[in-house]
N, C-alpha and C. Protein backbone atom coordinates (compact mmCIF):
# COMPACT_ATOMS: atom_id res chain seq x y z
N UNK A 1 2.05 27.35 60.59
CA UNK A 1 2.69 25.99 61.13
C UNK A 1 2.60 25.17 60.39
N UNK A 2 1.24 24.76 60.02
CA UNK A 2 1.38 23.52 58.75
C UNK A 2 1.51 24.19 57.78
N UNK A 3 1.89 23.23 56.61
CA UNK A 3 2.16 23.57 55.05
C UNK A 3 2.37 22.30 54.33
N UNK A 4 2.62 22.81 53.11
CA UNK A 4 2.83 21.63 52.01
C UNK A 4 3.98 21.00 52.36
N UNK A 5 4.34 19.65 52.48
CA UNK A 5 5.51 18.87 52.72
C UNK A 5 6.22 18.43 51.51
N UNK A 6 7.59 18.77 51.49
CA UNK A 6 8.51 18.14 50.68
C UNK A 6 8.74 16.54 50.90
N UNK A 7 9.48 16.25 50.30
CA UNK A 7 9.59 14.57 50.24
C UNK A 7 10.42 14.40 51.67
N UNK A 8 11.08 15.06 51.98
CA UNK A 8 11.93 14.90 53.34
C UNK A 8 11.87 15.95 54.22
N UNK A 9 10.80 15.75 54.95
CA UNK A 9 10.20 16.93 55.86
C UNK A 9 11.28 16.88 57.18
N UNK A 10 11.60 18.17 57.71
CA UNK A 10 12.11 18.49 58.89
C UNK A 10 11.23 18.90 59.96
N UNK A 11 10.88 18.35 60.99
CA UNK A 11 9.81 18.85 61.74
C UNK A 11 10.46 19.03 62.94
N UNK A 12 10.56 20.38 63.91
CA UNK A 12 10.96 20.23 65.29
C UNK A 12 9.64 20.24 66.08
N UNK A 13 9.86 19.27 67.27
CA UNK A 13 8.58 19.07 68.04
C UNK A 13 9.19 19.29 69.51
N UNK A 14 7.97 19.30 70.41
CA UNK A 14 8.27 19.16 71.74
C UNK A 14 8.38 17.90 72.15
N UNK A 15 9.51 17.30 72.97
CA UNK A 15 9.60 15.86 73.35
C UNK A 15 8.33 15.61 74.18
N UNK A 16 7.96 16.43 75.13
CA UNK A 16 7.07 16.05 76.07
C UNK A 16 5.67 15.92 75.41
N UNK A 17 5.40 16.40 74.25
CA UNK A 17 3.85 16.42 73.54
C UNK A 17 4.04 15.52 72.72
N UNK A 18 5.08 14.65 72.09
CA UNK A 18 5.41 14.22 70.97
C UNK A 18 4.37 12.95 70.44
N UNK A 19 3.48 12.74 69.64
CA UNK A 19 2.83 11.82 69.25
C UNK A 19 3.39 11.32 68.05
N UNK A 20 3.10 9.85 67.76
CA UNK A 20 3.47 9.21 66.59
C UNK A 20 2.15 8.71 66.14
N UNK A 21 1.74 9.09 64.65
CA UNK A 21 0.54 8.47 64.20
C UNK A 21 0.56 7.01 64.25
N UNK A 22 -0.83 6.27 64.61
CA UNK A 22 -0.84 4.83 64.68
C UNK A 22 -0.89 4.32 63.08
N UNK A 23 0.27 4.50 62.51
CA UNK A 23 0.48 3.99 60.90
C UNK A 23 1.79 3.66 60.94
N UNK A 24 2.08 3.01 60.08
CA UNK A 24 3.55 2.46 59.90
C UNK A 24 4.06 3.66 59.11
N UNK A 25 5.66 3.95 59.41
CA UNK A 25 6.15 5.65 58.67
C UNK A 25 6.58 5.10 57.69
N UNK A 26 6.80 3.63 57.21
CA UNK A 26 7.36 3.28 55.89
C UNK A 26 6.42 3.07 54.74
N UNK A 27 5.33 2.30 55.19
CA UNK A 27 4.45 1.77 54.01
C UNK A 27 2.91 2.46 54.51
N UNK A 28 2.89 2.87 55.51
CA UNK A 28 1.56 3.70 55.80
C UNK A 28 0.46 2.67 56.02
N UNK A 29 0.81 1.40 56.40
CA UNK A 29 -0.02 0.14 56.92
C UNK A 29 -0.38 0.16 58.20
N UNK A 30 -1.45 -0.60 58.67
CA UNK A 30 -1.90 -0.30 60.14
C UNK A 30 -0.76 -1.16 60.85
N UNK A 31 -0.71 -0.49 62.10
CA UNK A 31 0.42 -0.96 63.10
C UNK A 31 0.17 -1.92 63.87
N UNK A 32 0.97 -2.85 63.89
CA UNK A 32 0.90 -4.65 64.39
C UNK A 32 2.22 -4.60 65.60
N UNK A 33 3.24 -3.62 65.41
CA UNK A 33 4.48 -3.68 66.25
C UNK A 33 4.61 -2.27 66.81
N UNK A 34 5.47 -2.33 67.88
CA UNK A 34 5.99 -0.82 68.34
C UNK A 34 7.56 -1.02 68.59
N UNK A 35 8.33 -0.02 68.06
CA UNK A 35 9.39 -0.19 67.78
C UNK A 35 9.94 0.85 69.03
N UNK A 36 10.79 0.69 69.85
CA UNK A 36 11.52 1.72 70.80
C UNK A 36 12.86 2.17 70.18
N UNK A 37 12.94 3.59 70.21
CA UNK A 37 14.24 4.13 69.52
C UNK A 37 14.69 4.66 70.68
N UNK A 38 16.00 4.62 71.22
CA UNK A 38 16.54 5.07 72.29
C UNK A 38 17.52 6.18 71.93
N UNK A 39 17.37 7.19 72.22
CA UNK A 39 18.48 8.11 72.06
C UNK A 39 19.38 8.93 73.05
N UNK A 40 20.67 8.71 73.05
CA UNK A 40 21.56 9.36 74.05
C UNK A 40 21.80 10.76 73.35
N UNK A 41 21.77 11.87 74.29
CA UNK A 41 21.96 13.23 74.17
C UNK A 41 23.55 13.48 73.92
N UNK A 42 23.96 14.15 73.38
CA UNK A 42 25.37 14.65 73.22
C UNK A 42 25.59 15.67 74.29
N UNK A 43 26.99 15.42 74.71
CA UNK A 43 27.28 16.07 76.11
C UNK A 43 27.36 17.62 75.60
N UNK A 44 27.77 17.89 74.16
CA UNK A 44 28.00 19.06 73.87
C UNK A 44 26.89 19.80 73.57
N UNK A 45 25.83 19.70 73.95
CA UNK A 45 24.44 20.54 73.56
C UNK A 45 24.44 21.57 74.50
N UNK A 46 24.04 22.93 73.89
CA UNK A 46 23.91 24.05 74.70
C UNK A 46 22.66 24.05 75.53
N UNK A 47 22.69 24.65 76.74
CA UNK A 47 21.53 24.45 77.76
C UNK A 47 21.10 26.02 77.69
N UNK A 48 19.82 26.23 77.87
CA UNK A 48 19.21 27.72 78.17
C UNK A 48 19.48 28.43 79.72
N UNK A 49 20.78 28.79 80.15
CA UNK A 49 20.90 29.22 81.36
C UNK A 49 20.16 29.92 81.60
N UNK A 50 19.36 30.30 81.05
CA UNK A 50 18.50 31.88 81.94
C UNK A 50 17.12 31.18 82.44
N UNK A 51 17.10 29.84 82.00
CA UNK A 51 15.81 29.12 82.91
C UNK A 51 16.25 28.80 83.94
N UNK A 52 17.39 28.77 84.36
CA UNK A 52 17.74 28.40 85.97
C UNK A 52 17.71 29.32 86.68
N UNK A 53 17.54 29.35 87.88
CA UNK A 53 17.01 30.14 88.87
C UNK A 53 18.02 29.99 90.14
N UNK A 54 18.35 28.93 90.50
CA UNK A 54 19.20 28.58 91.59
C UNK A 54 20.62 28.08 91.57
N UNK A 55 21.56 27.94 92.04
CA UNK A 55 22.65 27.43 91.76
C UNK A 55 22.60 25.65 91.57
N UNK A 56 21.76 25.33 92.90
CA UNK A 56 21.38 23.99 92.83
C UNK A 56 20.43 23.42 91.96
N UNK A 57 19.76 24.19 91.30
CA UNK A 57 18.79 23.78 90.17
C UNK A 57 19.66 23.79 88.87
N UNK A 58 20.63 24.53 88.64
CA UNK A 58 21.48 24.46 87.81
C UNK A 58 22.39 23.28 87.61
N UNK A 59 22.76 22.60 88.84
CA UNK A 59 23.43 21.19 88.99
C UNK A 59 23.08 20.11 88.66
N UNK A 60 21.14 19.96 89.29
CA UNK A 60 20.39 19.08 88.94
C UNK A 60 20.15 18.90 87.40
N UNK A 61 19.95 20.13 86.76
CA UNK A 61 19.48 20.00 85.48
C UNK A 61 20.66 19.33 84.50
N UNK A 62 22.01 19.99 85.13
CA UNK A 62 23.19 19.62 84.18
C UNK A 62 23.52 18.13 84.35
N UNK A 63 23.24 17.52 85.56
CA UNK A 63 23.41 16.02 85.99
C UNK A 63 22.42 15.18 84.83
N UNK A 64 21.16 15.78 85.00
CA UNK A 64 20.14 14.74 84.58
C UNK A 64 20.41 15.03 82.80
N UNK A 65 20.94 16.02 82.59
CA UNK A 65 21.08 16.37 80.99
C UNK A 65 22.25 15.33 80.65
N UNK A 66 23.32 15.42 81.72
CA UNK A 66 24.49 14.48 81.13
C UNK A 66 24.27 12.97 81.02
N UNK A 67 22.85 12.38 81.58
CA UNK A 67 22.48 11.20 81.64
C UNK A 67 21.93 10.99 80.28
N UNK A 68 21.05 12.16 79.98
CA UNK A 68 20.43 12.42 78.59
C UNK A 68 19.99 11.24 78.00
N UNK A 69 19.26 10.22 78.33
CA UNK A 69 18.95 9.26 77.52
C UNK A 69 17.09 9.27 77.22
N UNK A 70 16.95 9.47 76.12
CA UNK A 70 15.28 9.63 75.57
C UNK A 70 15.19 8.36 74.68
N UNK A 71 13.99 7.94 75.16
CA UNK A 71 13.15 6.81 74.59
C UNK A 71 11.71 7.21 73.46
N UNK A 72 11.94 6.70 72.34
CA UNK A 72 10.48 7.07 71.72
C UNK A 72 9.94 5.72 71.37
N UNK A 73 8.71 5.74 71.25
CA UNK A 73 8.05 4.63 70.71
C UNK A 73 7.18 4.74 69.47
N UNK A 74 7.73 4.17 68.73
CA UNK A 74 7.05 4.24 67.25
C UNK A 74 6.19 3.17 66.87
N UNK A 75 4.89 3.33 66.47
CA UNK A 75 4.27 2.22 65.86
C UNK A 75 4.64 1.80 64.49
N UNK A 76 4.46 0.58 64.02
CA UNK A 76 5.16 0.11 62.79
C UNK A 76 4.10 -1.17 62.47
N UNK A 77 4.17 -1.56 60.92
CA UNK A 77 3.95 -2.77 60.88
C UNK A 77 4.76 -3.76 60.82
N UNK A 78 4.70 -5.07 60.91
CA UNK A 78 5.25 -6.42 61.36
C UNK A 78 6.25 -6.25 60.68
N UNK A 79 6.48 -6.17 59.11
CA UNK A 79 7.43 -6.01 58.29
C UNK A 79 8.53 -5.15 58.67
N UNK A 80 8.27 -3.76 59.23
CA UNK A 80 9.27 -2.53 59.25
C UNK A 80 9.41 -2.53 60.89
N UNK A 81 8.85 -3.78 61.68
CA UNK A 81 8.90 -3.50 63.14
C UNK A 81 10.01 -3.97 63.71
N UNK A 82 10.47 -4.22 64.38
CA UNK A 82 11.45 -4.60 65.47
C UNK A 82 12.26 -5.47 65.14
N UNK A 83 11.87 -6.37 64.59
CA UNK A 83 12.73 -7.57 63.96
C UNK A 83 13.36 -7.38 62.89
N UNK A 84 13.27 -5.88 62.21
CA UNK A 84 13.46 -5.63 60.86
C UNK A 84 14.59 -4.37 61.10
N UNK A 85 14.88 -3.71 62.33
CA UNK A 85 15.79 -2.83 62.66
C UNK A 85 16.89 -3.40 62.92
N UNK A 86 18.21 -2.64 62.94
CA UNK A 86 19.27 -2.70 63.38
C UNK A 86 19.17 -3.04 65.22
N UNK A 87 20.03 -3.86 65.78
CA UNK A 87 20.42 -3.70 66.99
C UNK A 87 21.85 -3.77 67.27
N UNK A 88 22.21 -3.85 68.62
CA UNK A 88 23.74 -3.88 68.88
C UNK A 88 24.07 -5.19 68.70
N UNK A 89 22.96 -6.26 68.48
CA UNK A 89 23.43 -7.54 68.37
C UNK A 89 24.05 -7.95 66.78
N UNK A 90 23.01 -7.21 65.78
CA UNK A 90 23.92 -7.11 64.62
C UNK A 90 25.05 -6.33 64.00
N UNK A 91 25.28 -5.20 64.79
CA UNK A 91 26.36 -4.42 64.75
C UNK A 91 27.61 -4.88 65.07
N UNK A 92 27.34 -6.18 66.11
CA UNK A 92 28.77 -6.70 66.92
C UNK A 92 28.76 -7.67 65.92
N UNK A 93 27.89 -8.54 65.19
CA UNK A 93 27.82 -9.42 63.92
C UNK A 93 29.00 -8.81 62.85
N UNK A 94 28.37 -7.62 62.49
CA UNK A 94 29.18 -7.06 61.43
C UNK A 94 30.84 -6.77 61.88
N UNK A 95 30.93 -6.35 63.37
CA UNK A 95 32.43 -6.22 63.58
C UNK A 95 32.71 -7.45 63.57
N UNK A 96 32.66 -8.41 64.25
CA UNK A 96 33.26 -9.78 64.13
C UNK A 96 33.59 -10.20 62.93
N UNK A 97 32.41 -10.13 61.89
CA UNK A 97 32.49 -10.42 60.29
C UNK A 97 33.80 -10.13 60.01
N UNK A 98 33.99 -8.69 60.23
CA UNK A 98 34.96 -7.70 59.63
C UNK A 98 36.49 -8.44 59.99
N UNK A 99 36.45 -8.79 61.46
CA UNK A 99 37.66 -9.33 62.31
C UNK A 99 38.17 -10.76 61.55
N UNK A 100 37.00 -11.41 61.39
CA UNK A 100 37.27 -12.84 61.13
C UNK A 100 37.68 -13.07 59.52
N UNK A 101 37.27 -11.86 58.67
CA UNK A 101 37.10 -12.19 57.36
C UNK A 101 38.46 -11.50 56.75
N UNK A 102 38.96 -10.61 57.74
CA UNK A 102 40.21 -9.63 57.19
C UNK A 102 41.24 -10.18 56.82
N UNK A 103 41.84 -11.06 57.86
CA UNK A 103 42.93 -12.29 57.59
C UNK A 103 42.90 -13.01 56.40
N UNK A 104 41.65 -13.78 56.09
CA UNK A 104 41.73 -14.49 54.63
C UNK A 104 41.93 -13.53 53.48
N UNK A 105 41.10 -12.65 53.62
CA UNK A 105 41.20 -11.54 52.61
C UNK A 105 42.58 -11.16 52.28
N UNK A 106 43.29 -10.58 53.40
CA UNK A 106 44.89 -10.76 53.19
C UNK A 106 45.63 -11.98 52.80
N UNK A 107 45.38 -12.77 53.21
CA UNK A 107 45.94 -14.02 52.81
C UNK A 107 45.91 -14.07 51.26
N UNK A 108 44.47 -14.04 50.97
CA UNK A 108 44.14 -14.41 49.36
C UNK A 108 44.85 -13.08 48.68
N UNK A 109 45.28 -12.17 49.14
CA UNK A 109 45.88 -10.87 48.35
C UNK A 109 47.27 -11.14 48.17
N UNK A 110 47.92 -11.83 48.97
CA UNK A 110 49.29 -12.08 49.00
C UNK A 110 49.51 -13.30 48.38
N UNK A 111 48.58 -14.35 47.98
CA UNK A 111 48.65 -15.49 47.39
C UNK A 111 48.61 -15.35 45.81
N UNK A 112 47.73 -14.33 45.55
CA UNK A 112 47.54 -13.62 44.23
C UNK A 112 48.80 -12.93 43.82
N UNK A 113 49.54 -12.27 44.78
CA UNK A 113 50.68 -11.80 44.61
C UNK A 113 51.84 -12.62 44.19
N UNK A 114 51.93 -13.84 45.00
CA UNK A 114 53.05 -14.97 44.87
C UNK A 114 52.47 -15.85 43.38
N UNK A 115 51.15 -15.73 43.06
CA UNK A 115 51.07 -16.33 41.92
C UNK A 115 51.49 -15.52 40.80
N UNK A 116 51.54 -14.17 40.88
CA UNK A 116 51.80 -13.21 39.66
C UNK A 116 53.36 -13.58 39.64
N UNK A 117 54.14 -13.09 40.65
CA UNK A 117 55.39 -13.16 40.68
C UNK A 117 56.01 -14.64 40.17
N UNK A 118 55.55 -15.63 40.63
CA UNK A 118 56.16 -16.94 40.51
C UNK A 118 55.57 -17.86 39.45
N UNK A 119 54.59 -17.07 38.70
CA UNK A 119 53.88 -18.04 37.56
C UNK A 119 53.06 -19.08 38.00
N UNK A 120 52.45 -18.97 38.92
CA UNK A 120 51.52 -20.08 39.66
C UNK A 120 50.15 -19.76 39.16
N UNK A 121 49.34 -20.80 39.41
CA UNK A 121 47.79 -20.39 38.86
C UNK A 121 47.20 -19.40 40.01
N UNK A 122 46.45 -18.64 39.04
CA UNK A 122 45.82 -17.13 39.88
C UNK A 122 44.43 -17.61 40.15
N UNK A 123 44.03 -18.41 39.55
CA UNK A 123 42.33 -18.69 39.74
C UNK A 123 42.13 -19.06 41.29
N UNK A 124 42.63 -20.15 41.77
CA UNK A 124 42.38 -20.38 43.27
C UNK A 124 42.20 -19.20 44.25
N UNK A 125 43.46 -18.74 44.55
CA UNK A 125 43.32 -17.41 45.42
C UNK A 125 42.62 -16.20 44.61
N UNK A 126 42.39 -16.57 43.53
CA UNK A 126 41.28 -15.08 42.92
C UNK A 126 40.05 -15.40 43.59
N UNK A 127 39.67 -16.76 43.40
CA UNK A 127 38.12 -17.10 43.68
C UNK A 127 38.14 -17.00 45.31
N UNK A 128 38.94 -17.31 46.17
CA UNK A 128 38.83 -17.26 47.43
C UNK A 128 38.88 -15.85 47.97
N UNK A 129 39.41 -14.77 47.21
CA UNK A 129 39.49 -13.26 47.52
C UNK A 129 37.95 -12.99 47.35
N UNK A 130 37.54 -13.23 46.02
CA UNK A 130 36.24 -12.66 45.48
C UNK A 130 35.16 -13.06 46.39
N UNK A 131 35.18 -14.46 46.87
CA UNK A 131 34.07 -14.95 47.89
C UNK A 131 33.96 -14.55 49.30
N UNK A 132 35.43 -14.30 49.84
CA UNK A 132 35.64 -13.67 51.21
C UNK A 132 34.97 -12.27 51.19
N UNK A 133 35.77 -11.49 50.04
CA UNK A 133 35.45 -9.93 49.99
C UNK A 133 33.85 -9.98 50.05
N UNK A 134 33.08 -10.79 49.21
CA UNK A 134 31.65 -10.56 48.73
C UNK A 134 30.93 -10.83 50.16
N UNK A 135 31.54 -12.13 50.91
CA UNK A 135 30.89 -12.16 52.30
C UNK A 135 31.32 -11.07 53.15
N UNK A 136 32.06 -10.45 53.20
CA UNK A 136 32.54 -9.60 54.20
C UNK A 136 31.36 -8.47 53.94
N UNK A 137 31.39 -7.94 52.45
CA UNK A 137 30.45 -7.00 52.09
C UNK A 137 28.93 -7.31 52.49
N UNK A 138 28.47 -8.24 52.53
CA UNK A 138 27.28 -8.85 52.87
C UNK A 138 26.98 -8.43 54.17
N UNK A 139 28.07 -8.95 55.12
CA UNK A 139 28.11 -8.75 56.75
C UNK A 139 27.68 -7.45 56.81
N UNK A 140 28.91 -6.78 56.41
CA UNK A 140 28.75 -4.94 56.74
C UNK A 140 27.50 -4.42 56.26
N UNK A 141 27.05 -4.97 55.31
CA UNK A 141 25.73 -4.37 54.93
C UNK A 141 24.53 -4.72 55.92
N UNK A 142 24.46 -5.92 56.25
CA UNK A 142 23.44 -6.53 57.44
C UNK A 142 23.70 -6.06 58.66
N UNK A 143 24.76 -5.41 59.09
CA UNK A 143 25.07 -4.98 60.42
C UNK A 143 24.92 -3.41 60.07
N UNK A 144 25.21 -2.85 59.27
CA UNK A 144 25.53 -1.26 59.45
C UNK A 144 24.68 -0.44 58.67
N UNK A 145 23.99 -1.14 57.54
CA UNK A 145 23.24 -0.39 56.55
C UNK A 145 21.83 0.01 57.56
N UNK A 146 21.71 1.15 57.20
CA UNK A 146 20.19 1.46 57.86
C UNK A 146 19.12 0.97 57.29
N UNK A 147 17.91 -0.05 58.01
CA UNK A 147 16.84 -0.48 57.54
C UNK A 147 15.97 0.85 57.09
N UNK A 148 14.63 -0.03 56.57
CA UNK A 148 13.84 1.06 56.09
C UNK A 148 13.03 2.19 57.11
N UNK A 149 12.79 1.77 58.43
CA UNK A 149 12.39 2.38 59.49
C UNK A 149 13.30 3.27 59.52
N UNK A 150 14.69 3.23 59.74
CA UNK A 150 15.75 4.09 60.17
C UNK A 150 15.91 5.08 59.26
N UNK A 151 15.62 4.54 57.71
CA UNK A 151 15.85 5.69 56.93
C UNK A 151 14.49 6.61 56.93
N UNK A 152 13.30 6.08 57.23
CA UNK A 152 12.14 7.00 57.19
C UNK A 152 11.94 7.69 58.41
N UNK A 153 12.55 7.58 59.70
CA UNK A 153 12.35 8.67 60.63
C UNK A 153 13.86 8.69 60.96
N UNK A 154 14.55 9.89 61.15
CA UNK A 154 15.76 10.45 61.34
C UNK A 154 15.83 11.35 62.69
N UNK A 155 16.56 10.96 63.58
CA UNK A 155 16.55 12.16 65.02
C UNK A 155 17.68 12.95 65.07
N UNK A 156 17.43 14.09 64.99
CA UNK A 156 18.52 15.22 65.17
C UNK A 156 18.30 16.17 66.45
N UNK A 157 19.31 16.82 66.78
CA UNK A 157 19.08 17.68 67.96
C UNK A 157 18.43 17.33 68.78
N UNK A 158 18.60 16.37 69.47
CA UNK A 158 17.52 15.68 70.73
C UNK A 158 18.06 16.42 71.99
N UNK A 159 17.19 17.39 72.54
CA UNK A 159 17.53 17.96 73.75
C UNK A 159 16.40 18.01 74.59
N UNK A 160 16.58 17.04 75.86
CA UNK A 160 15.54 17.33 77.17
C UNK A 160 15.62 18.51 77.81
N UNK A 161 16.65 19.42 78.11
CA UNK A 161 16.72 20.35 78.47
C UNK A 161 15.70 21.59 77.74
N UNK A 162 15.91 21.41 76.65
CA UNK A 162 15.01 22.36 75.45
C UNK A 162 13.77 21.91 75.38
N UNK A 163 13.46 20.58 75.35
CA UNK A 163 12.07 20.06 75.56
C UNK A 163 11.99 19.89 73.83
N UNK A 164 13.14 19.49 73.00
CA UNK A 164 12.99 19.54 71.74
C UNK A 164 13.58 18.66 71.04
N UNK A 165 12.97 18.05 69.89
CA UNK A 165 13.72 17.31 68.85
C UNK A 165 13.53 17.55 67.40
N UNK A 166 14.18 17.44 66.70
CA UNK A 166 14.16 17.61 65.46
C UNK A 166 14.06 16.50 64.53
N UNK A 167 13.12 15.89 63.57
CA UNK A 167 12.83 14.67 62.98
C UNK A 167 13.16 15.12 61.36
N UNK A 168 13.59 13.86 60.77
CA UNK A 168 13.61 14.11 59.27
C UNK A 168 12.68 12.87 59.12
N UNK A 169 11.41 13.35 58.10
CA UNK A 169 10.52 12.32 57.97
C UNK A 169 10.65 11.99 56.40
N UNK A 170 11.25 10.90 55.71
CA UNK A 170 11.19 10.74 54.45
C UNK A 170 9.83 10.74 53.62
N UNK A 171 8.63 9.92 54.46
CA UNK A 171 7.44 10.00 53.63
C UNK A 171 6.57 10.98 53.90
N UNK A 172 6.22 11.68 52.68
CA UNK A 172 5.42 13.05 52.98
C UNK A 172 4.35 12.83 53.81
N UNK A 173 3.42 11.85 53.04
CA UNK A 173 2.03 11.50 53.64
C UNK A 173 2.26 11.11 55.33
N UNK A 174 3.19 10.49 55.57
CA UNK A 174 3.15 10.28 57.15
C UNK A 174 3.68 11.70 57.72
N UNK A 175 4.47 12.59 57.09
CA UNK A 175 4.86 13.99 57.66
C UNK A 175 3.77 14.68 57.69
N UNK A 176 2.82 14.54 56.88
CA UNK A 176 1.35 15.61 57.42
C UNK A 176 0.47 14.79 58.33
N UNK A 177 0.74 13.64 58.46
CA UNK A 177 -0.22 12.81 59.80
C UNK A 177 0.55 13.21 60.82
N UNK A 178 1.81 13.37 61.07
CA UNK A 178 2.66 13.52 62.07
C UNK A 178 2.24 15.20 62.58
N UNK A 179 2.37 15.82 61.47
CA UNK A 179 1.93 17.21 62.07
C UNK A 179 0.50 17.70 62.56
N UNK A 180 -0.43 16.79 61.94
CA UNK A 180 -1.74 16.60 61.98
C UNK A 180 -1.80 16.35 64.01
N UNK A 181 -0.85 15.12 64.20
CA UNK A 181 -1.02 14.73 65.30
C UNK A 181 -0.30 15.47 66.55
N UNK A 182 0.59 16.48 65.84
CA UNK A 182 1.45 17.27 66.88
C UNK A 182 1.21 18.64 66.36
N UNK A 183 -0.05 19.12 66.11
CA UNK A 183 -0.28 20.41 65.55
C UNK A 183 0.13 21.60 66.53
N UNK A 184 -0.18 21.33 67.60
CA UNK A 184 0.13 22.67 68.65
C UNK A 184 1.74 22.62 69.12
N UNK A 185 2.47 21.45 68.86
CA UNK A 185 3.69 21.38 69.37
C UNK A 185 4.61 21.26 68.54
N UNK A 186 4.49 21.25 67.06
CA UNK A 186 5.48 20.99 65.93
C UNK A 186 5.68 22.36 65.07
N UNK A 187 6.63 22.34 64.52
CA UNK A 187 6.87 23.22 63.31
C UNK A 187 7.98 22.64 62.18
N UNK A 188 7.44 23.10 61.12
CA UNK A 188 8.20 22.72 59.83
C UNK A 188 9.51 23.22 60.01
N UNK A 189 10.99 22.85 59.58
CA UNK A 189 12.22 23.69 59.60
C UNK A 189 12.63 23.36 57.99
N UNK A 190 12.89 24.64 57.76
CA UNK A 190 13.54 24.71 56.46
C UNK A 190 15.15 24.23 56.25
N UNK A 191 15.82 24.36 57.36
CA UNK A 191 17.11 24.58 57.33
C UNK A 191 17.58 23.21 57.32
N UNK A 192 18.26 22.61 56.37
CA UNK A 192 18.68 21.28 56.07
C UNK A 192 20.23 20.90 56.76
N UNK A 193 20.67 21.37 57.40
CA UNK A 193 22.15 21.40 57.81
C UNK A 193 22.49 20.59 59.39
N UNK A 194 21.36 20.01 59.95
CA UNK A 194 21.77 19.15 61.14
C UNK A 194 22.40 17.87 60.75
N UNK A 195 23.16 17.55 62.04
CA UNK A 195 23.55 16.31 61.79
C UNK A 195 22.80 14.94 62.37
N UNK A 196 22.69 13.73 62.07
CA UNK A 196 21.62 12.86 62.30
C UNK A 196 22.43 12.06 63.59
N UNK A 197 21.47 11.60 64.49
CA UNK A 197 21.77 10.81 65.42
C UNK A 197 21.67 9.50 65.34
N UNK A 198 22.74 8.64 65.14
CA UNK A 198 22.61 7.29 64.99
C UNK A 198 22.31 6.53 66.28
């Protein structure tokens, strides 16, 4: 079960027994914060019908799986903790930034076109276009680009019915510690074809 880790480890672990090491997954410093990651299970997951014995049980399991929300608590340092990860607020700021800056960018593009056609000064609209585009790129990176913790631990194939979650761990040392903490409930997975849950 345990073995030499590659740089990006894929580990399948039982959700009911999962334990995260008391160390930051990014920098391996002492934990000072706790980040809660909530995963919503996809509706199209397969369920093991052989584990259901009665029709009423089947309906109950299907309803609980449809709700399919699971939360994991991950110890981190303050630098990579809850203040540094993306939240719904940062994603909303990115979306609003796009809608607010899209029209000025379009306006400056039209002004550049007018300046070229009618031989007017091109520098003012070009500077406006560059500034607003740079601002938009920064806002989108702020709201949509995964932070260090999100890149260090990625969740795949979450299934409460199967009591299983597939993790990608980018830090090899953290992966070894994770396997030590979950020795009886985890396996290294060689397949690299699963999709990430965002």
